[in-house]
Full PDB file with SEQRES, HELIX, SHEET, SSBOND, CRYST1, ORIGX, SCALE, CONECT and MASTER records, all heavy atoms in Angstrom:
SEQRES   1 A   36  VAL MET ASP VAL VAL TYR ASN HIS MET PHE GLU ALA ALA          
SEQRES   2 A   36  SER ASN VAL PHE GLU SER VAL ALA PRO GLY TYR PHE CYS          
SEQRES   3 A   36  ARG ARG LYS ALA ASP GLY SER PHE ALA ASN                      
HELIX    1 AA1 VAL A   16  VAL A   20  1                                   5    
CRYST1    1.000    1.000    1.000  90.00  90.00  90.00 P 1           1          
ORIGX1      1.000000  0.000000  0.000000        0.00000                         
ORIGX2      0.000000  1.000000  0.000000        0.00000                         
ORIGX3      0.000000  0.000000  1.000000        0.00000                         
SCALE1      1.000000  0.000000  0.000000        0.00000                         
SCALE2      0.000000  1.000000  0.000000        0.00000                         
SCALE3      0.000000  0.000000  1.000000        0.00000                         
ATOM      1  N   VAL A   1      93.173 108.978 109.577  1.00  0.00           N  
ATOM      2  CA  VAL A   1      94.601 109.056 108.953  1.00  0.00           C  
ATOM      3  C   VAL A   1      95.155 107.720 108.861  1.00  0.00           C  
ATOM      4  O   VAL A   1      94.988 106.764 109.780  1.00  0.00           O  
ATOM      5  CB  VAL A   1      95.567 109.931 109.952  1.00  0.00           C  
ATOM      6  CG1 VAL A   1      96.984 109.862 109.397  1.00  0.00           C  
ATOM      7  CG2 VAL A   1      95.134 111.372 110.125  1.00  0.00           C  
ATOM      8  N   MET A   2      95.723 107.319 107.766  1.00  0.00           N  
ATOM      9  CA  MET A   2      96.275 106.113 107.427  1.00  0.00           C  
ATOM     10  C   MET A   2      97.782 106.023 107.595  1.00  0.00           C  
ATOM     11  O   MET A   2      98.467 106.813 107.057  1.00  0.00           O  
ATOM     12  CB  MET A   2      95.950 105.626 106.014  1.00  0.00           C  
ATOM     13  CG  MET A   2      96.185 104.260 105.667  1.00  0.00           C  
ATOM     14  SD  MET A   2      95.553 103.827 103.944  1.00  0.00           S  
ATOM     15  CE  MET A   2      96.305 102.210 103.747  1.00  0.00           C  
ATOM     16  N   ASP A   3      98.296 105.101 108.258  1.00  0.00           N  
ATOM     17  CA  ASP A   3      99.825 104.882 108.532  1.00  0.00           C  
ATOM     18  C   ASP A   3     100.205 104.083 107.329  1.00  0.00           C  
ATOM     19  O   ASP A   3      99.746 102.953 107.082  1.00  0.00           O  
ATOM     20  CB  ASP A   3     100.096 104.243 109.846  1.00  0.00           C  
ATOM     21  CG  ASP A   3     101.487 104.283 110.257  1.00  0.00           C  
ATOM     22  OD1 ASP A   3     102.442 104.387 109.491  1.00  0.00           O  
ATOM     23  OD2 ASP A   3     101.837 104.170 111.526  1.00  0.00           O  
ATOM     24  N   VAL A   4     101.071 104.670 106.432  1.00  0.00           N  
ATOM     25  CA  VAL A   4     101.476 104.055 105.286  1.00  0.00           C  
ATOM     26  C   VAL A   4     103.094 103.820 105.320  1.00  0.00           C  
ATOM     27  O   VAL A   4     103.814 104.598 105.839  1.00  0.00           O  
ATOM     28  CB  VAL A   4     101.111 104.796 103.911  1.00  0.00           C  
ATOM     29  CG1 VAL A   4      99.648 104.809 103.750  1.00  0.00           C  
ATOM     30  CG2 VAL A   4     101.596 106.262 104.108  1.00  0.00           C  
ATOM     31  N   VAL A   5     103.425 102.732 104.658  1.00  0.00           N  
ATOM     32  CA  VAL A   5     104.871 102.217 104.848  1.00  0.00           C  
ATOM     33  C   VAL A   5     105.352 101.872 103.331  1.00  0.00           C  
ATOM     34  O   VAL A   5     105.569 100.780 103.025  1.00  0.00           O  
ATOM     35  CB  VAL A   5     104.918 100.981 105.704  1.00  0.00           C  
ATOM     36  CG1 VAL A   5     106.376 100.600 106.030  1.00  0.00           C  
ATOM     37  CG2 VAL A   5     104.210 101.139 107.055  1.00  0.00           C  
ATOM     38  N   TYR A   6     105.617 103.016 102.503  1.00  0.00           N  
ATOM     39  CA  TYR A   6     106.080 102.852 101.236  1.00  0.00           C  
ATOM     40  C   TYR A   6     107.578 102.727 101.269  1.00  0.00           C  
ATOM     41  O   TYR A   6     108.005 102.608 100.030  1.00  0.00           O  
ATOM     42  CB  TYR A   6     105.567 103.975 100.309  1.00  0.00           C  
ATOM     43  CG  TYR A   6     104.058 104.111 100.147  1.00  0.00           C  
ATOM     44  CD1 TYR A   6     103.238 104.955 100.823  1.00  0.00           C  
ATOM     45  CD2 TYR A   6     103.407 103.051  99.224  1.00  0.00           C  
ATOM     46  CE1 TYR A   6     101.909 104.992 100.512  1.00  0.00           C  
ATOM     47  CE2 TYR A   6     102.167 103.128  99.023  1.00  0.00           C  
ATOM     48  CZ  TYR A   6     101.260 104.059  99.691  1.00  0.00           C  
ATOM     49  OH  TYR A   6     100.010 104.050  99.403  1.00  0.00           O  
ATOM     50  N   ASN A   7     108.211 102.816 102.382  1.00  0.00           N  
ATOM     51  CA  ASN A   7     109.669 102.958 102.295  1.00  0.00           C  
ATOM     52  C   ASN A   7     110.277 101.607 102.161  1.00  0.00           C  
ATOM     53  O   ASN A   7     111.500 101.441 101.771  1.00  0.00           O  
ATOM     54  CB  ASN A   7     110.185 103.536 103.596  1.00  0.00           C  
ATOM     55  CG  ASN A   7     109.900 102.749 104.866  1.00  0.00           C  
ATOM     56  OD1 ASN A   7     110.725 101.885 105.250  1.00  0.00           O  
ATOM     57  ND2 ASN A   7     108.824 103.009 105.528  1.00  0.00           N  
ATOM     58  N   HIS A   8     109.572 100.459 102.520  1.00  0.00           N  
ATOM     59  CA  HIS A   8     110.070  99.171 102.422  1.00  0.00           C  
ATOM     60  C   HIS A   8     109.024  98.067 102.263  1.00  0.00           C  
ATOM     61  O   HIS A   8     107.900  98.453 102.495  1.00  0.00           O  
ATOM     62  CB  HIS A   8     111.030  98.701 103.544  1.00  0.00           C  
ATOM     63  CG  HIS A   8     110.336  98.366 104.852  1.00  0.00           C  
ATOM     64  ND1 HIS A   8     109.991  99.416 105.640  1.00  0.00           N  
ATOM     65  CD2 HIS A   8     109.828  97.241 105.239  1.00  0.00           C  
ATOM     66  CE1 HIS A   8     109.224  98.810 106.715  1.00  0.00           C  
ATOM     67  NE2 HIS A   8     109.205  97.593 106.475  1.00  0.00           N  
ATOM     68  N   MET A   9     109.436  96.867 101.902  1.00  0.00           N  
ATOM     69  CA  MET A   9     108.343  95.785 101.939  1.00  0.00           C  
ATOM     70  C   MET A   9     108.796  94.647 102.796  1.00  0.00           C  
ATOM     71  O   MET A   9     110.035  94.700 103.074  1.00  0.00           O  
ATOM     72  CB  MET A   9     108.095  95.216 100.455  1.00  0.00           C  
ATOM     73  CG  MET A   9     107.388  96.430  99.568  1.00  0.00           C  
ATOM     74  SD  MET A   9     106.642  95.803  98.110  1.00  0.00           S  
ATOM     75  CE  MET A   9     105.157  94.983  98.696  1.00  0.00           C  
ATOM     76  N   PHE A  10     107.914  93.659 103.146  1.00  0.00           N  
ATOM     77  CA  PHE A  10     108.395  92.612 103.967  1.00  0.00           C  
ATOM     78  C   PHE A  10     109.401  91.740 103.292  1.00  0.00           C  
ATOM     79  O   PHE A  10     110.479  91.349 103.803  1.00  0.00           O  
ATOM     80  CB  PHE A  10     107.172  91.635 104.390  1.00  0.00           C  
ATOM     81  CG  PHE A  10     107.502  90.622 105.035  1.00  0.00           C  
ATOM     82  CD1 PHE A  10     107.995  90.637 106.403  1.00  0.00           C  
ATOM     83  CD2 PHE A  10     107.431  89.200 104.522  1.00  0.00           C  
ATOM     84  CE1 PHE A  10     108.478  89.469 107.145  1.00  0.00           C  
ATOM     85  CE2 PHE A  10     107.736  88.072 105.282  1.00  0.00           C  
ATOM     86  CZ  PHE A  10     108.243  88.235 106.544  1.00  0.00           C  
ATOM     87  N   GLU A  11     109.159  91.505 101.914  1.00  0.00           N  
ATOM     88  CA  GLU A  11     110.103  90.689 101.258  1.00  0.00           C  
ATOM     89  C   GLU A  11     111.029  91.511 100.257  1.00  0.00           C  
ATOM     90  O   GLU A  11     110.537  92.677  99.888  1.00  0.00           O  
ATOM     91  CB  GLU A  11     109.363  89.762 100.347  1.00  0.00           C  
ATOM     92  CG  GLU A  11     108.706  88.606 101.074  1.00  0.00           C  
ATOM     93  CD  GLU A  11     107.270  88.219 100.475  1.00  0.00           C  
ATOM     94  OE1 GLU A  11     106.668  89.132  99.818  1.00  0.00           O  
ATOM     95  OE2 GLU A  11     106.856  87.087 100.762  1.00  0.00           O  
ATOM     96  N   ALA A  12     112.253  91.153 100.084  1.00  0.00           N  
ATOM     97  CA  ALA A  12     113.064  91.932  99.108  1.00  0.00           C  
ATOM     98  C   ALA A  12     112.914  91.469  97.569  1.00  0.00           C  
ATOM     99  O   ALA A  12     112.124  91.956  96.862  1.00  0.00           O  
ATOM    100  CB  ALA A  12     114.475  91.942  99.583  1.00  0.00           C  
ATOM    101  N   ALA A  13     113.752  90.469  97.292  1.00  0.00           N  
ATOM    102  CA  ALA A  13     113.765  89.947  95.976  1.00  0.00           C  
ATOM    103  C   ALA A  13     112.431  89.395  95.469  1.00  0.00           C  
ATOM    104  O   ALA A  13     112.136  89.280  94.286  1.00  0.00           O  
ATOM    105  CB  ALA A  13     114.916  88.869  95.803  1.00  0.00           C  
ATOM    106  N   SER A  14     111.615  88.996  96.515  1.00  0.00           N  
ATOM    107  CA  SER A  14     110.287  88.233  96.102  1.00  0.00           C  
ATOM    108  C   SER A  14     108.973  89.002  96.246  1.00  0.00           C  
ATOM    109  O   SER A  14     107.954  88.484  96.083  1.00  0.00           O  
ATOM    110  CB  SER A  14     110.195  86.881  96.844  1.00  0.00           C  
ATOM    111  OG  SER A  14     110.232  87.042  98.294  1.00  0.00           O  
ATOM    112  N   ASN A  15     109.170  90.343  96.504  1.00  0.00           N  
ATOM    113  CA  ASN A  15     107.871  91.077  96.687  1.00  0.00           C  
ATOM    114  C   ASN A  15     107.265  91.210  95.280  1.00  0.00           C  
ATOM    115  O   ASN A  15     107.830  90.962  94.232  1.00  0.00           O  
ATOM    116  CB  ASN A  15     108.150  92.374  97.279  1.00  0.00           C  
ATOM    117  CG  ASN A  15     109.071  93.412  96.528  1.00  0.00           C  
ATOM    118  OD1 ASN A  15     108.652  93.804  95.320  1.00  0.00           O  
ATOM    119  ND2 ASN A  15     110.049  93.880  97.065  1.00  0.00           N  
ATOM    120  N   VAL A  16     105.988  91.696  95.227  1.00  0.00           N  
ATOM    121  CA  VAL A  16     105.271  91.755  93.939  1.00  0.00           C  
ATOM    122  C   VAL A  16     105.890  92.569  92.932  1.00  0.00           C  
ATOM    123  O   VAL A  16     105.821  92.284  91.667  1.00  0.00           O  
ATOM    124  CB  VAL A  16     103.795  92.174  94.164  1.00  0.00           C  
ATOM    125  CG1 VAL A  16     103.076  91.099  94.982  1.00  0.00           C  
ATOM    126  CG2 VAL A  16     103.651  93.446  94.959  1.00  0.00           C  
ATOM    127  N   PHE A  17     106.604  93.731  93.320  1.00  0.00           N  
ATOM    128  CA  PHE A  17     107.201  94.555  92.367  1.00  0.00           C  
ATOM    129  C   PHE A  17     108.429  93.984  91.675  1.00  0.00           C  
ATOM    130  O   PHE A  17     108.657  93.921  90.528  1.00  0.00           O  
ATOM    131  CB  PHE A  17     107.494  95.827  93.054  1.00  0.00           C  
ATOM    132  CG  PHE A  17     106.334  96.686  93.428  1.00  0.00           C  
ATOM    133  CD1 PHE A  17     105.877  96.681  94.772  1.00  0.00           C  
ATOM    134  CD2 PHE A  17     105.600  97.492  92.603  1.00  0.00           C  
ATOM    135  CE1 PHE A  17     104.713  97.318  95.111  1.00  0.00           C  
ATOM    136  CE2 PHE A  17     104.510  98.160  92.951  1.00  0.00           C  
ATOM    137  CZ  PHE A  17     104.031  98.067  94.283  1.00  0.00           C  
ATOM    138  N   GLU A  18     109.350  93.427  92.562  1.00  0.00           N  
ATOM    139  CA  GLU A  18     110.623  92.869  92.115  1.00  0.00           C  
ATOM    140  C   GLU A  18     110.300  91.524  91.375  1.00  0.00           C  
ATOM    141  O   GLU A  18     111.123  91.062  90.581  1.00  0.00           O  
ATOM    142  CB  GLU A  18     111.508  92.495  93.397  1.00  0.00           C  
ATOM    143  CG  GLU A  18     112.086  93.803  93.840  1.00  0.00           C  
ATOM    144  CD  GLU A  18     113.230  94.309  92.976  1.00  0.00           C  
ATOM    145  OE1 GLU A  18     114.059  93.619  92.468  1.00  0.00           O  
ATOM    146  OE2 GLU A  18     113.336  95.525  92.766  1.00  0.00           O  
ATOM    147  N   SER A  19     109.074  90.954  91.592  1.00  0.00           N  
ATOM    148  CA  SER A  19     108.739  89.654  90.927  1.00  0.00           C  
ATOM    149  C   SER A  19     108.552  90.033  89.463  1.00  0.00           C  
ATOM    150  O   SER A  19     108.659  89.142  88.538  1.00  0.00           O  
ATOM    151  CB  SER A  19     107.585  89.174  91.443  1.00  0.00           C  
ATOM    152  OG  SER A  19     107.849  88.510  92.776  1.00  0.00           O  
ATOM    153  N   VAL A  20     107.947  91.269  89.148  1.00  0.00           N  
ATOM    154  CA  VAL A  20     107.594  91.527  87.751  1.00  0.00           C  
ATOM    155  C   VAL A  20     108.780  92.333  87.079  1.00  0.00           C  
ATOM    156  O   VAL A  20     108.882  92.245  85.768  1.00  0.00           O  
ATOM    157  CB  VAL A  20     106.324  92.365  87.588  1.00  0.00           C  
ATOM    158  CG1 VAL A  20     105.089  91.469  88.087  1.00  0.00           C  
ATOM    159  CG2 VAL A  20     106.414  93.712  88.311  1.00  0.00           C  
ATOM    160  N   ALA A  21     109.554  92.896  87.861  1.00  0.00           N  
ATOM    161  CA  ALA A  21     110.691  93.752  87.253  1.00  0.00           C  
ATOM    162  C   ALA A  21     111.920  93.633  88.188  1.00  0.00           C  
ATOM    163  O   ALA A  21     112.250  94.581  88.917  1.00  0.00           O  
ATOM    164  CB  ALA A  21     110.391  95.204  87.019  1.00  0.00           C  
ATOM    165  N   PRO A  22     112.499  92.534  88.231  1.00  0.00           N  
ATOM    166  CA  PRO A  22     113.714  92.301  89.146  1.00  0.00           C  
ATOM    167  C   PRO A  22     114.788  93.323  88.978  1.00  0.00           C  
ATOM    168  O   PRO A  22     115.236  93.546  87.809  1.00  0.00           O  
ATOM    169  CB  PRO A  22     114.168  90.931  88.764  1.00  0.00           C  
ATOM    170  CG  PRO A  22     113.011  90.152  88.200  1.00  0.00           C  
ATOM    171  CD  PRO A  22     112.337  91.287  87.451  1.00  0.00           C  
ATOM    172  N   GLY A  23     115.284  93.932  90.007  1.00  0.00           N  
ATOM    173  CA  GLY A  23     116.324  94.876  89.872  1.00  0.00           C  
ATOM    174  C   GLY A  23     115.919  96.326  89.830  1.00  0.00           C  
ATOM    175  O   GLY A  23     116.751  97.167  89.818  1.00  0.00           O  
ATOM    176  N   TYR A  24     114.538  96.621  89.807  1.00  0.00           N  
ATOM    177  CA  TYR A  24     114.093  97.946  89.499  1.00  0.00           C  
ATOM    178  C   TYR A  24     113.501  98.657  90.776  1.00  0.00           C  
ATOM    179  O   TYR A  24     113.961  99.718  91.031  1.00  0.00           O  
ATOM    180  CB  TYR A  24     113.077  97.989  88.456  1.00  0.00           C  
ATOM    181  CG  TYR A  24     112.587  99.417  88.168  1.00  0.00           C  
ATOM    182  CD1 TYR A  24     113.351 100.227  87.359  1.00  0.00           C  
ATOM    183  CD2 TYR A  24     111.437  99.835  88.616  1.00  0.00           C  
ATOM    184  CE1 TYR A  24     112.867 101.647  87.104  1.00  0.00           C  
ATOM    185  CE2 TYR A  24     110.974 101.159  88.391  1.00  0.00           C  
ATOM    186  CZ  TYR A  24     111.671 102.054  87.570  1.00  0.00           C  
ATOM    187  OH  TYR A  24     111.224 103.272  87.404  1.00  0.00           O  
ATOM    188  N   PHE A  25     112.531  97.959  91.394  1.00  0.00           N  
ATOM    189  CA  PHE A  25     111.745  98.658  92.449  1.00  0.00           C  
ATOM    190  C   PHE A  25     112.496  98.940  93.759  1.00  0.00           C  
ATOM    191  O   PHE A  25     112.069  99.814  94.397  1.00  0.00           O  
ATOM    192  CB  PHE A  25     110.510  97.923  92.568  1.00  0.00           C  
ATOM    193  CG  PHE A  25     109.565  98.161  91.520  1.00  0.00           C  
ATOM    194  CD1 PHE A  25     109.299  97.152  90.446  1.00  0.00           C  
ATOM    195  CD2 PHE A  25     108.823  99.453  91.410  1.00  0.00           C  
ATOM    196  CE1 PHE A  25     108.380  97.493  89.434  1.00  0.00           C  
ATOM    197  CE2 PHE A  25     107.902  99.662  90.261  1.00  0.00           C  
ATOM    198  CZ  PHE A  25     107.668  98.653  89.411  1.00  0.00           C  
ATOM    199  N   CYS A  26     113.439  98.027  94.059  1.00  0.00           N  
ATOM    200  CA  CYS A  26     114.181  98.180  95.423  1.00  0.00           C  
ATOM    201  C   CYS A  26     115.490  98.851  95.064  1.00  0.00           C  
ATOM    202  O   CYS A  26     116.090  98.512  94.086  1.00  0.00           O  
ATOM    203  CB  CYS A  26     114.434  96.899  96.020  1.00  0.00           C  
ATOM    204  SG  CYS A  26     112.896  96.205  96.890  1.00  0.00           S  
ATOM    205  N   ARG A  27     115.895  99.706  95.939  1.00  0.00           N  
ATOM    206  CA  ARG A  27     117.199 100.400  95.743  1.00  0.00           C  
ATOM    207  C   ARG A  27     118.270  99.456  95.996  1.00  0.00           C  
ATOM    208  O   ARG A  27     118.227  98.552  96.802  1.00  0.00           O  
ATOM    209  CB  ARG A  27     117.331 101.505  96.811  1.00  0.00           C  
ATOM    210  CG  ARG A  27     116.396 102.792  96.568  1.00  0.00           C  
ATOM    211  CD  ARG A  27     116.795 104.003  97.286  1.00  0.00           C  
ATOM    212  NE  ARG A  27     115.915 105.105  97.061  1.00  0.00           N  
ATOM    213  CZ  ARG A  27     115.109 105.640  98.008  1.00  0.00           C  
ATOM    214  NH1 ARG A  27     114.933 105.093  99.158  1.00  0.00           N  
ATOM    215  NH2 ARG A  27     114.319 106.615  97.591  1.00  0.00           N  
ATOM    216  N   ARG A  28     119.353  99.498  95.164  1.00  0.00           N  
ATOM    217  CA  ARG A  28     120.441  98.821  95.198  1.00  0.00           C  
ATOM    218  C   ARG A  28     121.733  99.571  95.552  1.00  0.00           C  
ATOM    219  O   ARG A  28     121.749 100.675  95.216  1.00  0.00           O  
ATOM    220  CB  ARG A  28     120.709  98.065  93.847  1.00  0.00           C  
ATOM    221  CG  ARG A  28     119.581  96.972  93.413  1.00  0.00           C  
ATOM    222  CD  ARG A  28     119.185  95.998  94.498  1.00  0.00           C  
ATOM    223  NE  ARG A  28     118.633  94.680  93.966  1.00  0.00           N  
ATOM    224  CZ  ARG A  28     117.411  94.611  93.626  1.00  0.00           C  
ATOM    225  NH1 ARG A  28     116.619  95.584  93.641  1.00  0.00           N  
ATOM    226  NH2 ARG A  28     117.042  93.389  93.193  1.00  0.00           N  
ATOM    227  N   LYS A  29     122.669  98.923  96.097  1.00  0.00           N  
ATOM    228  CA  LYS A  29     124.073  99.444  96.412  1.00  0.00           C  
ATOM    229  C   LYS A  29     124.849  99.286  95.078  1.00  0.00           C  
ATOM    230  O   LYS A  29     124.419  98.561  94.171  1.00  0.00           O  
ATOM    231  CB  LYS A  29     124.737  98.769  97.525  1.00  0.00           C  
ATOM    232  CG  LYS A  29     124.004  98.924  98.892  1.00  0.00           C  
ATOM    233  CD  LYS A  29     124.874  98.233  99.914  1.00  0.00           C  
ATOM    234  CE  LYS A  29     124.043  98.209 101.364  1.00  0.00           C  
ATOM    235  NZ  LYS A  29     124.702  97.454 102.377  1.00  0.00           N  
ATOM    236  N   ALA A  30     126.051  99.772  95.093  1.00  0.00           N  
ATOM    237  CA  ALA A  30     126.896  99.755  93.859  1.00  0.00           C  
ATOM    238  C   ALA A  30     127.205  98.302  93.575  1.00  0.00           C  
ATOM    239  O   ALA A  30     127.436  98.001  92.411  1.00  0.00           O  
ATOM    240  CB  ALA A  30     128.243 100.482  94.054  1.00  0.00           C  
ATOM    241  N   ASP A  31     127.290  97.433  94.620  1.00  0.00           N  
ATOM    242  CA  ASP A  31     127.609  96.029  94.242  1.00  0.00           C  
ATOM    243  C   ASP A  31     126.377  95.182  94.071  1.00  0.00           C  
ATOM    244  O   ASP A  31     126.454  93.922  93.697  1.00  0.00           O  
ATOM    245  CB  ASP A  31     128.384  95.448  95.543  1.00  0.00           C  
ATOM    246  CG  ASP A  31     127.507  95.341  96.800  1.00  0.00           C  
ATOM    247  OD1 ASP A  31     126.316  95.813  96.709  1.00  0.00           O  
ATOM    248  OD2 ASP A  31     127.952  94.992  97.823  1.00  0.00           O  
ATOM    249  N   GLY A  32     125.232  95.873  93.888  1.00  0.00           N  
ATOM    250  CA  GLY A  32     124.017  95.094  93.356  1.00  0.00           C  
ATOM    251  C   GLY A  32     123.230  94.607  94.581  1.00  0.00           C  
ATOM    252  O   GLY A  32     122.127  94.119  94.294  1.00  0.00           O  
ATOM    253  N   SER A  33     123.750  94.670  95.843  1.00  0.00           N  
ATOM    254  CA  SER A  33     122.942  94.184  97.007  1.00  0.00           C  
ATOM    255  C   SER A  33     121.922  95.220  97.358  1.00  0.00           C  
ATOM    256  O   SER A  33     121.916  96.440  96.935  1.00  0.00           O  
ATOM    257  CB  SER A  33     123.875  93.954  98.068  1.00  0.00           C  
ATOM    258  OG  SER A  33     124.542  95.068  98.547  1.00  0.00           O  
ATOM    259  N   PHE A  34     120.976  94.744  98.187  1.00  0.00           N  
ATOM    260  CA  PHE A  34     119.836  95.679  98.603  1.00  0.00           C  
ATOM    261  C   PHE A  34     120.408  96.781  99.490  1.00  0.00           C  
ATOM    262  O   PHE A  34     121.018  96.545 100.394  1.00  0.00           O  
ATOM    263  CB  PHE A  34     118.732  94.924  99.273  1.00  0.00           C  
ATOM    264  CG  PHE A  34     117.955  93.980  98.313  1.00  0.00           C  
ATOM    265  CD1 PHE A  34     118.215  92.646  98.131  1.00  0.00           C  
ATOM    266  CD2 PHE A  34     116.893  94.502  97.503  1.00  0.00           C  
ATOM    267  CE1 PHE A  34     117.582  91.854  97.312  1.00  0.00           C  
ATOM    268  CE2 PHE A  34     116.209  93.675  96.583  1.00  0.00           C  
ATOM    269  CZ  PHE A  34     116.524  92.321  96.469  1.00  0.00           C  
ATOM    270  N   ALA A  35     119.870  98.060  99.243  1.00  0.00           N  
ATOM    271  CA  ALA A  35     120.083  99.148 100.211  1.00  0.00           C  
ATOM    272  C   ALA A  35     119.094  98.798 101.538  1.00  0.00           C  
ATOM    273  O   ALA A  35     118.169  98.126 101.270  1.00  0.00           O  
ATOM    274  CB  ALA A  35     119.823 100.466  99.543  1.00  0.00           C  
ATOM    275  N   ASN A  36     119.614  99.116 102.617  1.00  0.00           N  
ATOM    276  CA  ASN A  36     118.887  98.845 103.732  1.00  0.00           C  
ATOM    277  C   ASN A  36     118.623 100.020 104.762  1.00  0.00           C  
ATOM    278  O   ASN A  36     118.954  99.845 105.915  1.00  0.00           O  
ATOM    279  CB  ASN A  36     119.378  97.673 104.476  1.00  0.00           C  
ATOM    280  CG  ASN A  36     118.577  97.041 105.585  1.00  0.00           C  
ATOM    281  OD1 ASN A  36     117.391  97.247 105.553  1.00  0.00           O  
ATOM    282  ND2 ASN A  36     119.255  96.444 106.565  1.00  0.00           N  
TER     283      ASN A  36                                                      
MASTER        0    0    0    1    0    0    0    6  282    1    0    3          
END                                                                             
C-alpha cells in the first residue's frame, strides 16, 4: 500500500503545477489567497 498526499504540495506558488498554470492547480479563496 502506498501512502499518497495529493491534497497539498510542499510549495504553493512555485510547485510544478502552478509553475505551468499559475492560479489553477491550487485552490484559492475569494480574495485570491491560497486555501489552507
